[in-house]
């Protein structure tokens, strides 16, 4: 349940498909990494289903569907597939055309910051891929972003709350009801819900459509990042009105 006596201090955005344009390139590179290592039966749909997950975890889960003997899913195999994926992704984000922020992303970041909200990015990518992306779109060491956290920098990636908890600790935020999460996949939605965020917002700009996202019970489903702004402003107004009626309430 959304609390109207809590202000919003932190907005956590996903990257590929949410704030960075993605035309299934990540899923295709993921599928290709399996093919390189002899798993040509892995489909693009299987790869797509694992978007947003920490990639080593996703690799193990996909291999589990294609290898009957779980003891054959060795760390060396997982590492080799992941290395191929990382190499492909880094080359893609360095050299491919069309790598750009999602429409309205930068405007939304700025408007939220003007409202006093911290902007964070979290991702299922490792830090090496993330830094290539941030460099390519001009977001590395920019005031547009206050913090970025990657899946290999925490014990548990999405859908666990570790990355959001890291950001909260960095900015001395104790209550997850002061945080909103925005992403385009099942694991983004579940990460927000598992953290207890005020809002766990699904956006249809990436891997999945509204019908697919609704199955995971996000607090809101939006079609563009700009739709976040009226949600946030409405909540801020509700908090202000609640505080006027109840001057002793805690913000």
C-alpha atoms as a PDB file:
ATOM      1  CA  UNK A   1       0.000   0.000   0.000  1.00  0.00           C
ATOM      2  CA  UNK A   2       1.350   3.444  -0.949  1.00  0.00           C
ATOM      3  CA  UNK A   3       1.933   5.678   2.069  1.00  0.00           C
ATOM      4  CA  UNK A   4       1.105   9.345   1.592  1.00  0.00           C
ATOM      5  CA  UNK A   5       3.172  10.554   4.538  1.00  0.00           C
ATOM      6  CA  UNK A   6       6.485   9.524   2.950  1.00  0.00           C
ATOM      7  CA  UNK A   7       8.331  11.719   0.497  1.00  0.00           C
ATOM      8  CA  UNK A   8      10.286  10.257  -2.451  1.00  0.00           C
ATOM      9  CA  UNK A   9      14.045  10.515  -2.006  1.00  0.00           C
ATOM     10  CA  UNK A  10      15.433   8.040  -4.563  1.00  0.00           C
ATOM     11  CA  UNK A  11      14.408   6.867  -8.052  1.00  0.00           C
ATOM     12  CA  UNK A  12      16.152   3.714  -9.294  1.00  0.00           C
ATOM     13  CA  UNK A  13      16.073   3.094 -13.048  1.00  0.00           C
ATOM     14  CA  UNK A  14      17.061   0.045 -15.078  1.00  0.00           C
ATOM     15  CA  UNK A  15      19.326   0.573 -18.101  1.00  0.00           C
ATOM     16  CA  UNK A  16      18.765  -1.465 -21.324  1.00  0.00           C
ATOM     17  CA  UNK A  17      15.173  -1.160 -22.464  1.00  0.00           C
ATOM     18  CA  UNK A  18      14.307   1.433 -19.819  1.00  0.00           C
ATOM     19  CA  UNK A  19      16.758   4.322 -20.069  1.00  0.00           C
ATOM     20  CA  UNK A  20      18.969   3.000 -22.912  1.00  0.00           C
ATOM     21  CA  UNK A  21      17.485   1.973 -26.266  1.00  0.00           C
ATOM     22  CA  UNK A  22      17.507  -1.786 -26.879  1.00  0.00           C
ATOM     23  CA  UNK A  23      16.176  -3.564 -29.974  1.00  0.00           C
ATOM     24  CA  UNK A  24      16.611  -7.085 -28.547  1.00  0.00           C
ATOM     25  CA  UNK A  25      20.361  -6.705 -29.049  1.00  0.00           C
ATOM     26  CA  UNK A  26      21.123  -7.876 -25.516  1.00  0.00           C
ATOM     27  CA  UNK A  27      19.022 -11.021 -25.905  1.00  0.00           C
ATOM     28  CA  UNK A  28      20.601 -11.764 -29.291  1.00  0.00           C
ATOM     29  CA  UNK A  29      24.111 -11.429 -27.850  1.00  0.00           C
ATOM     30  CA  UNK A  30      23.102 -13.673 -24.963  1.00  0.00           C
ATOM     31  CA  UNK A  31      21.773 -16.316 -27.357  1.00  0.00           C
ATOM     32  CA  UNK A  32      24.936 -16.040 -29.470  1.00  0.00           C
ATOM     33  CA  UNK A  33      27.128 -16.698 -26.414  1.00  0.00           C
ATOM     34  CA  UNK A  34      25.376 -20.051 -25.899  1.00  0.00           C
ATOM     35  CA  UNK A  35      25.735 -20.880 -29.598  1.00  0.00           C
ATOM     36  CA  UNK A  36      29.490 -20.266 -29.480  1.00  0.00           C
ATOM     37  CA  UNK A  37      29.785 -22.896 -26.767  1.00  0.00           C
ATOM     38  CA  UNK A  38      27.685 -25.537 -28.482  1.00  0.00           C
ATOM     39  CA  UNK A  39      24.183 -24.735 -27.230  1.00  0.00           C
ATOM     40  CA  UNK A  40      22.500 -23.841 -30.488  1.00  0.00           C
ATOM     41  CA  UNK A  41      19.151 -25.046 -29.161  1.00  0.00           C
ATOM     42  CA  UNK A  42      18.844 -22.042 -26.835  1.00  0.00           C
ATOM     43  CA  UNK A  43      16.122 -19.859 -28.343  1.00  0.00           C
ATOM     44  CA  UNK A  44      15.892 -16.092 -28.506  1.00  0.00           C
ATOM     45  CA  UNK A  45      12.730 -16.350 -26.410  1.00  0.00           C
ATOM     46  CA  UNK A  46      14.662 -18.153 -23.646  1.00  0.00           C
ATOM     47  CA  UNK A  47      17.320 -15.466 -23.730  1.00  0.00           C
ATOM     48  CA  UNK A  48      14.690 -12.723 -23.699  1.00  0.00           C
ATOM     49  CA  UNK A  49      12.998 -14.213 -20.633  1.00  0.00           C
ATOM     50  CA  UNK A  50      16.200 -13.735 -18.642  1.00  0.00           C
ATOM     51  CA  UNK A  51      16.687 -10.075 -19.441  1.00  0.00           C
ATOM     52  CA  UNK A  52      17.381  -8.110 -16.283  1.00  0.00           C
ATOM     53  CA  UNK A  53      18.779 -11.046 -14.327  1.00  0.00           C
ATOM     54  CA  UNK A  54      22.467 -11.174 -13.340  1.00  0.00           C
ATOM     55  CA  UNK A  55      23.927 -12.927 -16.349  1.00  0.00           C
ATOM     56  CA  UNK A  56      25.806 -15.758 -14.546  1.00  0.00           C
ATOM     57  CA  UNK A  57      22.568 -16.672 -12.750  1.00  0.00           C
ATOM     58  CA  UNK A  58      20.632 -16.543 -16.016  1.00  0.00           C
ATOM     59  CA  UNK A  59      23.229 -18.732 -17.753  1.00  0.00           C
ATOM     60  CA  UNK A  60      22.910 -21.413 -15.068  1.00  0.00           C
ATOM     61  CA  UNK A  61      19.123 -21.402 -15.278  1.00  0.00           C
ATOM     62  CA  UNK A  62      19.113 -21.722 -19.073  1.00  0.00           C
ATOM     63  CA  UNK A  63      21.753 -24.465 -19.005  1.00  0.00           C
ATOM     64  CA  UNK A  64      19.570 -26.306 -16.484  1.00  0.00           C
ATOM     65  CA  UNK A  65      16.908 -26.621 -19.185  1.00  0.00           C
ATOM     66  CA  UNK A  66      19.326 -28.134 -21.696  1.00  0.00           C
ATOM     67  CA  UNK A  67      21.634 -30.277 -19.555  1.00  0.00           C
ATOM     68  CA  UNK A  68      19.926 -33.117 -17.708  1.00  0.00           C
ATOM     69  CA  UNK A  69      22.886 -33.819 -15.422  1.00  0.00           C
ATOM     70  CA  UNK A  70      23.258 -30.767 -13.208  1.00  0.00           C
ATOM     71  CA  UNK A  71      26.812 -31.794 -12.337  1.00  0.00           C
ATOM     72  CA  UNK A  72      27.783 -30.973 -15.918  1.00  0.00           C
ATOM     73  CA  UNK A  73      26.883 -27.306 -15.313  1.00  0.00           C
ATOM     74  CA  UNK A  74      30.371 -26.431 -14.143  1.00  0.00           C
ATOM     75  CA  UNK A  75      31.623 -23.005 -13.104  1.00  0.00           C
ATOM     76  CA  UNK A  76      34.089 -23.134 -16.000  1.00  0.00           C
ATOM     77  CA  UNK A  77      31.267 -23.504 -18.535  1.00  0.00           C
ATOM     78  CA  UNK A  78      29.221 -20.705 -16.988  1.00  0.00           C
ATOM     79  CA  UNK A  79      32.289 -18.446 -16.915  1.00  0.00           C
ATOM     80  CA  UNK A  80      33.133 -19.209 -20.557  1.00  0.00           C
ATOM     81  CA  UNK A  81      29.620 -18.384 -21.780  1.00  0.00           C
ATOM     82  CA  UNK A  82      29.563 -15.238 -19.665  1.00  0.00           C
ATOM     83  CA  UNK A  83      32.966 -14.147 -21.000  1.00  0.00           C
ATOM     84  CA  UNK A  84      31.700 -14.523 -24.573  1.00  0.00           C
ATOM     85  CA  UNK A  85      28.587 -12.512 -23.730  1.00  0.00           C
ATOM     86  CA  UNK A  86      30.580  -9.723 -22.053  1.00  0.00           C
ATOM     87  CA  UNK A  87      32.978  -9.511 -25.009  1.00  0.00           C
ATOM     88  CA  UNK A  88      30.089  -9.297 -27.464  1.00  0.00           C
ATOM     89  CA  UNK A  89      28.223  -6.689 -25.434  1.00  0.00           C
ATOM     90  CA  UNK A  90      31.249  -4.475 -24.922  1.00  0.00           C
ATOM     91  CA  UNK A  91      32.000  -4.527 -28.666  1.00  0.00           C
ATOM     92  CA  UNK A  92      28.358  -3.818 -29.468  1.00  0.00           C
ATOM     93  CA  UNK A  93      28.021  -0.854 -27.109  1.00  0.00           C
ATOM     94  CA  UNK A  94      31.383   0.556 -28.206  1.00  0.00           C
ATOM     95  CA  UNK A  95      30.908   0.317 -31.962  1.00  0.00           C
ATOM     96  CA  UNK A  96      27.291  -0.219 -33.040  1.00  0.00           C
ATOM     97  CA  UNK A  97      25.151   2.580 -34.421  1.00  0.00           C
ATOM     98  CA  UNK A  98      22.051   3.759 -32.606  1.00  0.00           C
ATOM     99  CA  UNK A  99      23.327   3.467 -29.030  1.00  0.00           C
ATOM    100  CA  UNK A 100      21.479   6.296 -27.317  1.00  0.00           C
ATOM    101  CA  UNK A 101      19.434   7.224 -24.257  1.00  0.00           C
ATOM    102  CA  UNK A 102      15.729   6.464 -24.347  1.00  0.00           C
ATOM    103  CA  UNK A 103      13.596   9.409 -25.357  1.00  0.00           C
ATOM    104  CA  UNK A 104      12.867  11.692 -22.402  1.00  0.00           C
ATOM    105  CA  UNK A 105      15.320   9.892 -20.082  1.00  0.00           C
ATOM    106  CA  UNK A 106      17.582  12.879 -19.510  1.00  0.00           C
ATOM    107  CA  UNK A 107      14.664  15.287 -19.179  1.00  0.00           C
ATOM    108  CA  UNK A 108      13.042  13.011 -16.594  1.00  0.00           C
ATOM    109  CA  UNK A 109      16.310  12.686 -14.648  1.00  0.00           C
ATOM    110  CA  UNK A 110      16.660  16.481 -14.501  1.00  0.00           C
ATOM    111  CA  UNK A 111      13.056  17.111 -13.493  1.00  0.00           C
ATOM    112  CA  UNK A 112      13.226  14.529 -10.723  1.00  0.00           C
ATOM    113  CA  UNK A 113      16.482  16.012  -9.461  1.00  0.00           C
ATOM    114  CA  UNK A 114      14.841  19.443  -9.422  1.00  0.00           C
ATOM    115  CA  UNK A 115      12.247  17.894  -7.107  1.00  0.00           C
ATOM    116  CA  UNK A 116      15.066  16.825  -4.802  1.00  0.00           C
ATOM    117  CA  UNK A 117      15.073  13.164  -5.859  1.00  0.00           C
ATOM    118  CA  UNK A 118      18.319  11.193  -6.181  1.00  0.00           C
ATOM    119  CA  UNK A 119      18.776   9.382  -9.517  1.00  0.00           C
ATOM    120  CA  UNK A 120      20.227   5.874  -9.504  1.00  0.00           C
ATOM    121  CA  UNK A 121      20.796   3.276 -12.220  1.00  0.00           C
ATOM    122  CA  UNK A 122      20.982  -0.439 -11.503  1.00  0.00           C
ATOM    123  CA  UNK A 123      21.514  -3.215 -14.014  1.00  0.00           C
ATOM    124  CA  UNK A 124      21.982  -6.914 -14.608  1.00  0.00           C
ATOM    125  CA  UNK A 125      25.171  -6.011 -16.491  1.00  0.00           C
ATOM    126  CA  UNK A 126      28.585  -6.217 -14.878  1.00  0.00           C
ATOM    127  CA  UNK A 127      30.568  -3.017 -14.278  1.00  0.00           C
ATOM    128  CA  UNK A 128      32.756  -3.404 -17.392  1.00  0.00           C
ATOM    129  CA  UNK A 129      29.768  -3.402 -19.758  1.00  0.00           C
ATOM    130  CA  UNK A 130      28.013  -0.681 -17.771  1.00  0.00           C
ATOM    131  CA  UNK A 131      30.943   1.701 -17.995  1.00  0.00           C
ATOM    132  CA  UNK A 132      31.169   1.236 -21.770  1.00  0.00           C
ATOM    133  CA  UNK A 133      27.476   2.124 -22.081  1.00  0.00           C
ATOM    134  CA  UNK A 134      27.735   5.148 -19.790  1.00  0.00           C
ATOM    135  CA  UNK A 135      30.775   6.401 -21.691  1.00  0.00           C
ATOM    136  CA  UNK A 136      29.063   5.926 -25.051  1.00  0.00           C
ATOM    137  CA  UNK A 137      25.914   7.890 -24.159  1.00  0.00           C
ATOM    138  CA  UNK A 138      27.805  10.594 -22.251  1.00  0.00           C
ATOM    139  CA  UNK A 139      26.517   9.637 -18.813  1.00  0.00           C
ATOM    140  CA  UNK A 140      29.782   8.694 -17.161  1.00  0.00           C
ATOM    141  CA  UNK A 141      30.792  11.206 -14.486  1.00  0.00           C
ATOM    142  CA  UNK A 142      27.791  13.394 -15.244  1.00  0.00           C
ATOM    143  CA  UNK A 143      25.523  15.195 -12.761  1.00  0.00           C
ATOM    144  CA  UNK A 144      22.560  13.489 -14.480  1.00  0.00           C
ATOM    145  CA  UNK A 145      23.259  10.381 -12.388  1.00  0.00           C
ATOM    146  CA  UNK A 146      23.918  10.320  -8.664  1.00  0.00           C
ATOM    147  CA  UNK A 147      24.831   6.626  -8.369  1.00  0.00           C
ATOM    148  CA  UNK A 148      25.102   3.439 -10.443  1.00  0.00           C
ATOM    149  CA  UNK A 149      25.252  -0.100  -9.057  1.00  0.00           C
ATOM    150  CA  UNK A 150      25.917  -3.264 -11.083  1.00  0.00           C
ATOM    151  CA  UNK A 151      24.958  -6.877 -10.427  1.00  0.00           C
ATOM    152  CA  UNK A 152      28.552  -7.998  -9.879  1.00  0.00           C
ATOM    153  CA  UNK A 153      29.015  -5.395  -7.135  1.00  0.00           C
ATOM    154  CA  UNK A 154      26.512  -6.973  -4.722  1.00  0.00           C
ATOM    155  CA  UNK A 155      26.012 -10.426  -3.277  1.00  0.00           C
ATOM    156  CA  UNK A 156      22.640 -10.953  -4.977  1.00  0.00           C
ATOM    157  CA  UNK A 157      21.451  -9.285  -8.169  1.00  0.00           C
ATOM    158  CA  UNK A 158      17.844  -8.729  -9.175  1.00  0.00           C
ATOM    159  CA  UNK A 159      15.175  -9.662  -8.178  1.00  0.00           C
ATOM    160  CA  UNK A 160      16.843  -9.351  -4.767  1.00  0.00           C
ATOM    161  CA  UNK A 161      16.942  -5.868  -3.206  1.00  0.00           C
ATOM    162  CA  UNK A 162      20.733  -5.713  -2.729  1.00  0.00           C
ATOM    163  CA  UNK A 163      21.459  -3.069  -5.392  1.00  0.00           C
ATOM    164  CA  UNK A 164      18.703  -0.773  -4.124  1.00  0.00           C
ATOM    165  CA  UNK A 165      19.831  -1.329  -0.539  1.00  0.00           C
ATOM    166  CA  UNK A 166      23.361  -0.288  -1.566  1.00  0.00           C
ATOM    167  CA  UNK A 167      22.013   2.992  -2.927  1.00  0.00           C
ATOM    168  CA  UNK A 168      19.857   3.568   0.136  1.00  0.00           C
ATOM    169  CA  UNK A 169      22.833   3.052   2.437  1.00  0.00           C
ATOM    170  CA  UNK A 170      24.955   5.429   0.367  1.00  0.00           C
ATOM    171  CA  UNK A 171      22.426   8.227   0.882  1.00  0.00           C
ATOM    172  CA  UNK A 172      21.292   7.322   4.415  1.00  0.00           C
ATOM    173  CA  UNK A 173      17.791   6.313   3.290  1.00  0.00           C
ATOM    174  CA  UNK A 174      16.263   3.864   5.752  1.00  0.00           C
ATOM    175  CA  UNK A 175      12.675   3.459   4.549  1.00  0.00           C
ATOM    176  CA  UNK A 176      12.071   1.795   1.131  1.00  0.00           C
ATOM    177  CA  UNK A 177       8.760   3.704   1.017  1.00  0.00           C
ATOM    178  CA  UNK A 178      10.953   6.686   0.080  1.00  0.00           C
ATOM    179  CA  UNK A 179      12.196   4.850  -3.044  1.00  0.00           C
ATOM    180  CA  UNK A 180      10.656   4.172  -6.451  1.00  0.00           C
ATOM    181  CA  UNK A 181      11.893   1.581  -8.951  1.00  0.00           C
ATOM    182  CA  UNK A 182      11.422   1.783 -12.738  1.00  0.00           C
ATOM    183  CA  UNK A 183      12.200  -0.987 -15.230  1.00  0.00           C
ATOM    184  CA  UNK A 184      11.003  -2.966 -18.246  1.00  0.00           C
ATOM    185  CA  UNK A 185      11.280  -6.575 -17.044  1.00  0.00           C
ATOM    186  CA  UNK A 186       9.793  -9.013 -14.554  1.00  0.00           C
ATOM    187  CA  UNK A 187      12.897  -8.854 -12.375  1.00  0.00           C
ATOM    188  CA  UNK A 188      12.760  -5.058 -12.248  1.00  0.00           C
ATOM    189  CA  UNK A 189       9.186  -5.211 -10.987  1.00  0.00           C
ATOM    190  CA  UNK A 190       9.974  -7.960  -8.478  1.00  0.00           C
ATOM    191  CA  UNK A 191      13.074  -6.141  -7.282  1.00  0.00           C
ATOM    192  CA  UNK A 192      10.961  -3.111  -6.446  1.00  0.00           C
ATOM    193  CA  UNK A 193       8.309  -5.228  -4.761  1.00  0.00           C
ATOM    194  CA  UNK A 194      10.874  -7.295  -2.836  1.00  0.00           C
ATOM    195  CA  UNK A 195      12.528  -4.110  -1.612  1.00  0.00           C
ATOM    196  CA  UNK A 196       9.193  -2.697  -0.448  1.00  0.00           C
ATOM    197  CA  UNK A 197       9.480   0.379  -2.665  1.00  0.00           C
ATOM    198  CA  UNK A 198       6.727   2.977  -2.653  1.00  0.00           C
ATOM    199  CA  UNK A 199       6.247   2.315  -6.375  1.00  0.00           C
ATOM    200  CA  UNK A 200       7.504  -0.484  -8.607  1.00  0.00           C
ATOM    201  CA  UNK A 201       6.816   0.916 -12.055  1.00  0.00           C
ATOM    202  CA  UNK A 202       6.899  -1.178 -15.235  1.00  0.00           C
ATOM    203  CA  UNK A 203       7.584   0.570 -18.536  1.00  0.00           C
ATOM    204  CA  UNK A 204       6.618  -0.911 -21.918  1.00  0.00           C
ATOM    205  CA  UNK A 205       9.564   0.558 -23.847  1.00  0.00           C
ATOM    206  CA  UNK A 206      11.695  -2.579 -23.576  1.00  0.00           C
ATOM    207  CA  UNK A 207      11.408  -6.336 -23.602  1.00  0.00           C
ATOM    208  CA  UNK A 208       7.757  -6.872 -22.656  1.00  0.00           C
ATOM    209  CA  UNK A 209       4.292  -5.546 -23.420  1.00  0.00           C
ATOM    210  CA  UNK A 210       1.688  -4.309 -20.941  1.00  0.00           C
ATOM    211  CA  UNK A 211      -0.134  -7.656 -20.839  1.00  0.00           C
ATOM    212  CA  UNK A 212       3.065  -9.531 -19.958  1.00  0.00           C
ATOM    213  CA  UNK A 213       4.177  -6.993 -17.355  1.00  0.00           C
ATOM    214  CA  UNK A 214       0.790  -6.874 -15.653  1.00  0.00           C
ATOM    215  CA  UNK A 215       1.197 -10.531 -14.614  1.00  0.00           C
ATOM    216  CA  UNK A 216       3.914  -9.462 -12.170  1.00  0.00           C
ATOM    217  CA  UNK A 217       1.718  -6.901 -10.385  1.00  0.00           C
ATOM    218  CA  UNK A 218       3.672  -3.651 -10.710  1.00  0.00           C
ATOM    219  CA  UNK A 219       2.152  -0.706  -8.872  1.00  0.00           C
ATOM    220  CA  UNK A 220       1.927   1.138 -12.206  1.00  0.00           C
ATOM    221  CA  UNK A 221       2.484   0.418 -15.906  1.00  0.00           C
ATOM    222  CA  UNK A 222       3.586   3.291 -18.141  1.00  0.00           C
ATOM    223  CA  UNK A 223       4.366   3.672 -21.838  1.00  0.00           C
ATOM    224  CA  UNK A 224       7.073   6.336 -21.582  1.00  0.00           C
ATOM    225  CA  UNK A 225       9.413   7.665 -18.916  1.00  0.00           C
ATOM    226  CA  UNK A 226       7.663  11.046 -18.910  1.00  0.00           C
ATOM    227  CA  UNK A 227       4.623   9.363 -17.371  1.00  0.00           C
ATOM    228  CA  UNK A 228       6.632   9.005 -14.165  1.00  0.00           C
ATOM    229  CA  UNK A 229       6.539  12.738 -13.539  1.00  0.00           C
ATOM    230  CA  UNK A 230       2.791  13.140 -12.892  1.00  0.00           C
ATOM    231  CA  UNK A 231       2.871  10.072 -10.617  1.00  0.00           C
ATOM    232  CA  UNK A 232       5.680  11.575  -8.563  1.00  0.00           C
ATOM    233  CA  UNK A 233       4.191  15.064  -8.490  1.00  0.00           C
ATOM    234  CA  UNK A 234       0.805  13.710  -7.433  1.00  0.00           C
ATOM    235  CA  UNK A 235       2.459  11.868  -4.560  1.00  0.00           C
ATOM    236  CA  UNK A 236       4.420  14.946  -3.496  1.00  0.00           C
ATOM    237  CA  UNK A 237       1.188  16.964  -3.484  1.00  0.00           C
ATOM    238  CA  UNK A 238      -0.571  14.259  -1.458  1.00  0.00           C
ATOM    239  CA  UNK A 239       2.263  14.285   1.091  1.00  0.00           C
ATOM    240  CA  UNK A 240       2.055  18.071   1.396  1.00  0.00           C
ATOM    241  CA  UNK A 241      -1.718  17.958   1.882  1.00  0.00           C
ATOM    242  CA  UNK A 242      -1.402  15.143   4.443  1.00  0.00           C
ATOM    243  CA  UNK A 243       1.162  17.115   6.396  1.00  0.00           C
ATOM    244  CA  UNK A 244      -1.068  20.185   6.441  1.00  0.00           C
ATOM    245  CA  UNK A 245      -3.910  18.109   7.872  1.00  0.00           C
ATOM    246  CA  UNK A 246      -1.622  16.223  10.266  1.00  0.00           C
ATOM    247  CA  UNK A 247       1.244  18.566  11.208  1.00  0.00           C
ATOM    248  CA  UNK A 248       2.732  15.955  13.560  1.00  0.00           C
ATOM    249  CA  UNK A 249       3.135  13.265  10.881  1.00  0.00           C
ATOM    250  CA  UNK A 250       6.609  12.045  10.019  1.00  0.00           C
ATOM    251  CA  UNK A 251       7.971  12.763   6.523  1.00  0.00           C
END
